[in-house]
Amino acid sequence: MSQGTWEKFSQVAVKGAEHDSRERQPHPKCLEGTRVVLLDHIYGLSDTKEMNRLIWLHGTAGVGKSAVAFTVAERMRGLKMTEETKVETRLGGTFFFSRKHTKRRTTGYFFMTLAYQLAQNFPSVQTDLNRAILKDPTLLDPDKSLRKQMEGLFLQPLRKLQYRLRECPPLTFVVDALDECTHESPIEHSSESRDEGESESELTELISLLAQALRDPDVPSVHILVTSRSEAHICEAMQNEDVRLLVREIPVRVFGEGVAATISLDGADVDEDIYRFLEHSFGKLRSRSPTFPQPTKDRIEKLAIRAGRRFIVASTMMKFIDDRHNDPRDRLHLMLELTSELLPGTEVYELYDRILSTCADPKLAYLHLSVVAALTDPLPISQISELLGPGQGRDVEKVLVQLRSVIDVPSDSSLPLNIYHSSVRDYVSHRSNCSFYITSPHSLLAHSSLRLMMQELPGHSALLDSLSALKKQSQAMEPHDPENLIHSLSFIVQPPEPMQVLITLLWLRGNRSSELQFWLETLDGSAWLETLDGRAWLQTRGGKDWLQTQMSQSWLNISNRSQTQRGQNLVSLIQTTLTRIQSLAQRFPQTPTQDLVQVSDPVELEWDSLETSPVPMQRSHLNNQSEAVGFSEGERAAKEHHQILGHLSDQSEAVGFSEGHLNDQSEAIGFMQHVILSCFTFLRMFIQMLNMISRVRPVERQETAQLKLLEFEGG
């Protein structure tokens, strides 16, 4: 193989997926003397040359599948293909899937990685791989067809080995944790079902292709050991017609000397294996801490039984007792107390619950643990603290060191943290598993990531700059200029929190779905409803439907109170303005001011008082003026519930009364007497109108949605 091609090949192969990679440390493996029956059964299947087999080892979380896979891989690597060879071993290659790592959670790198290891074990096939890659360089693209990758990178090299290995024992490939191959989406919950379907389809295709490779008549004797949880879609794929004849399943019922027995990961012999594991672990602890007394057999048996035949429970117990920061005698006593009431079948999750309960702040411990477990790519403590922010990210190191039994916390703080077992991820992700569940870890990560991105943005302007930059890079943006959002966002009254801004932008972009209508209950949503765009939306079908919901009631009540308050404020303003007008009018001695002086309480004026005005204005003329603004005496009673508030708002905006504005206008026309008197006459009429408005009662909840809409349109 040419140097350039091999170098590129080595770059795309996932080293962390190999069974003995540094990324997988500490490597789980079977303690010598344990799992003897199970391992002997697997070794026996691996030695047969009669037929290529797909050996499927499955069971629940924490029963030791990965430890068995690692142990089998180590044994096969220690066995040479022939007595003469120094390089070629019976281990063809390994791939350990992991949801925590991007390249180990997909099949896109699967055949590349196995082919790379195969070429290292059998250098003679490097030429064939080089030829295949030069012919089709896209074989090293993870998006390439999985079938074509298998044909070019896996089957062709194996076919070249058939003649050479015809007299040799079978090759063995080890594939661990098929169930960890997933397309799960950490942000969009709406895509969960789609991602689940993609993952299941991808796994089904992979299992089918492995069976196809094993059936190929031109490949040497090969066996593939795969492990997984007993999930329905994997079980179904193993039962497909083109697969099931090749499968040798474990658990399996075997017969010997007339006695039937079941070989499985959680059989009756596992209790003894766990006891041996605990005894061995306490021995190692005592050799490191001579003052630690060896626990009695009774105590070890209690712990072994409480582990529920799950090695992950026993392993977690020992990590809790021997955390190297507390007195192991106290921790052993505490562990015996914590595990005194573990229920069968839920041991691992209940143990995690009890470990969190020992933390100073269990809720905060849950938050930090959930982030570590949910991260696609692990982060060090300092970056996790920065990600969570000053509130939730406080004391991250102090909290996580209390969880050393479930998290690998490196002594070097620059190194990333990892959970010891995938069951921790299951524990923090589902409310039914965790007593301290607060929120979805993925939601927490999404919010924290967005907050981190926005924390340096000064208000809205930087957000708009980012949108502008995004527009330059993406043709998917809508054609209008993002700078227009400056005006669209002017109604915002709350400080820009990340999720709030996102929802606001989605709403402004036209996503008015019922799922987002809760935003209208926020301060920003209520403020938007008062804008022209908000009023226009309320006249649409969607807006009218929303007005009929219980959700709209609080806004309508607030809006009514706000309109009433604005009316009262305007009355107060005009009273002040009239006082100023009186003062101005008195500067002209030829002006009859006695009527002005009589206006001590304009709000309480009656219609009769207007007839005595020195200005020659008859009542009929006044009524005509009222009709001009839509308030004739005859119309008053009929319209007071529908239009008064709207006219008040329109008139106040049109007149634009403010103290300074009125004075400026008066000075601009030289304080002419007839202008002042005309203004005064109009204001007296306007005050009377306000008298009537002040008697309008707030809209009651029992009114129909249509009436509410009419009232709003008026406002």
Foldseek 3Di string as FASTA:
>chain_A
DDPVVLVVLVVLADQCFFQPHPVQPPRAAADPPPLVVVLVVVVVVQQDQPAAFAEEAAAAFQLQQRRSLSHVLVVQQVAAQDPPDDQATLAQTEGEAAQQADVRQACLNVLSNSLSSNCRRPVVLVVQLVVLCVVPVCLSPSPPDPLVVCVRRPLVSQLVCAVVNQVTGAREYEYEALVSNWQADLADPVCRVVRRVVSLVRSLVVQLSVLVSRPDPRGHRYYYYYYHYPDDSNVVSCPDPSHVVRYDYPQDWDDDPRDIDTSHSQDPCLLVSLLVVLQVLLVVVCVVPVVDDRDDSVLSSLQSVLCLSRNLSSQLLSCQLPVVPDPSVVSSVLSCVQSVDQDHPLSVLSSVQSLLVPFPDSLLLLLLLQLQLPNSHFFFLVVSLLLLDPPSSPPSVVSCSSVVSQKPHDPPRRDGIHGNTNVSNVQSQDCVSYVSHDDHSSNSNVQSNQCSVCVPPDACPSVLVVVQVVVVVDPPDDPDRSVVCVVVQPLDDDGDRRVLVVLSVCVVVPPPDPVSCLNCLDSSNLSNCLDPVNLVVCPDPSNLVVLQDPSCVVSLVVVLVVLLVVLVVVLVQLVVVLVVLLVLLVVDVVDPCPLSVVPPDLLPDDLVSLCPDPPPDHSVNLQVVCVVLPHHPVCLVVCLLFALSLSVVVVCVVVVDDNVVVVVVCVVVPVDNVVSVVVVSVSSSVSPSSSSNNPHDRDDPPDDSVSSSRNSVND
